[in-house]
């Protein structure tokens, strides 16, 4: 299994998320990311840094899995929320 992790993930610490349509305290944070990476390492899995996000090669590979429309949605939804 390929496991991808970027150190910036440790910066992901939103205070809330939507749970059944209502704001709730988020379980996400640096501690959770660290626990997950430790668990993967303990299982013998190697963490690989992903390609640059703006890479045309990466976009092409993602389009083999997701539609271009969905990828554009993910790229732009944050600014619309």
Protein backbone atom coordinates (compact mmCIF):
# COMPACT_ATOMS: atom_id res chain seq x y z
CA UNK A 1 0.00 0.00 0.00
CA UNK A 2 1.25 3.47 -0.83
CA UNK A 3 0.94 5.99 2.00
CA UNK A 4 1.35 9.69 1.32
CA UNK A 5 2.04 12.31 3.96
CA UNK A 6 3.23 15.89 3.80
CA UNK A 7 4.59 17.64 6.91
CA UNK A 8 2.12 20.49 6.32
CA UNK A 9 -0.60 18.08 7.45
CA UNK A 10 0.57 18.79 11.01
CA UNK A 11 -0.65 22.37 10.50
CA UNK A 12 -4.22 21.17 9.91
CA UNK A 13 -6.05 21.99 13.13
CA UNK A 14 -9.53 23.33 12.40
CA UNK A 15 -11.50 24.24 15.53
CA UNK A 16 -14.77 22.83 14.15
CA UNK A 17 -16.28 20.69 11.41
CA UNK A 18 -19.84 19.88 10.38
CA UNK A 19 -21.40 16.87 12.08
CA UNK A 20 -24.92 16.10 10.91
CA UNK A 21 -25.17 19.67 9.66
CA UNK A 22 -24.09 21.26 12.95
CA UNK A 23 -20.70 22.70 13.97
CA UNK A 24 -18.82 20.37 16.31
CA UNK A 25 -15.35 20.29 17.85
CA UNK A 26 -12.90 18.87 15.34
CA UNK A 27 -10.83 15.78 16.18
CA UNK A 28 -8.23 16.86 13.61
CA UNK A 29 -4.92 18.24 14.79
CA UNK A 30 -1.16 17.71 14.87
CA UNK A 31 -1.42 15.01 17.56
CA UNK A 32 -3.80 12.95 15.44
CA UNK A 33 -1.53 13.25 12.39
CA UNK A 34 1.44 12.13 14.49
CA UNK A 35 -0.46 9.13 15.88
CA UNK A 36 -1.50 8.10 12.38
CA UNK A 37 2.03 8.35 10.99
CA UNK A 38 3.39 6.37 13.95
CA UNK A 39 0.77 3.68 13.39
CA UNK A 40 1.63 3.42 9.71
CA UNK A 41 5.34 3.14 10.51
CA UNK A 42 4.65 0.50 13.16
CA UNK A 43 2.73 -1.47 10.53
CA UNK A 44 5.82 -1.37 8.32
CA UNK A 45 4.38 1.06 5.78
CA UNK A 46 6.57 3.71 4.22
CA UNK A 47 5.36 7.30 4.06
CA UNK A 48 6.05 9.13 0.81
CA UNK A 49 5.77 12.86 0.25
CA UNK A 50 3.24 13.68 -2.49
CA UNK A 51 4.18 15.47 -5.68
CA UNK A 52 3.80 19.21 -5.83
CA UNK A 53 0.13 20.13 -5.77
CA UNK A 54 0.38 22.31 -8.87
CA UNK A 55 2.06 19.59 -10.93
CA UNK A 56 0.32 18.96 -14.30
CA UNK A 57 1.46 15.33 -13.99
CA UNK A 58 -0.35 14.97 -10.67
CA UNK A 59 -3.51 16.54 -12.09
CA UNK A 60 -3.43 14.08 -14.99
CA UNK A 61 -3.09 11.16 -12.58
CA UNK A 62 -5.94 12.44 -10.41
CA UNK A 63 -8.15 12.74 -13.48
CA UNK A 64 -7.76 8.99 -13.96
CA UNK A 65 -9.69 8.60 -10.70
CA UNK A 66 -11.88 11.72 -10.44
CA UNK A 67 -13.67 13.87 -13.00
CA UNK A 68 -12.09 17.23 -13.86
CA UNK A 69 -15.27 18.90 -12.61
CA UNK A 70 -14.90 17.31 -9.16
CA UNK A 71 -11.21 18.27 -8.94
CA UNK A 72 -12.05 21.87 -9.84
CA UNK A 73 -14.76 21.83 -7.18
CA UNK A 74 -12.22 20.72 -4.55
CA UNK A 75 -9.75 23.38 -5.70
CA UNK A 76 -12.27 26.22 -5.45
CA UNK A 77 -14.86 25.36 -2.80
CA UNK A 78 -12.83 26.73 0.11
CA UNK A 79 -13.00 30.29 -1.18
CA UNK A 80 -16.74 29.97 -1.81
CA UNK A 81 -17.50 28.80 1.75
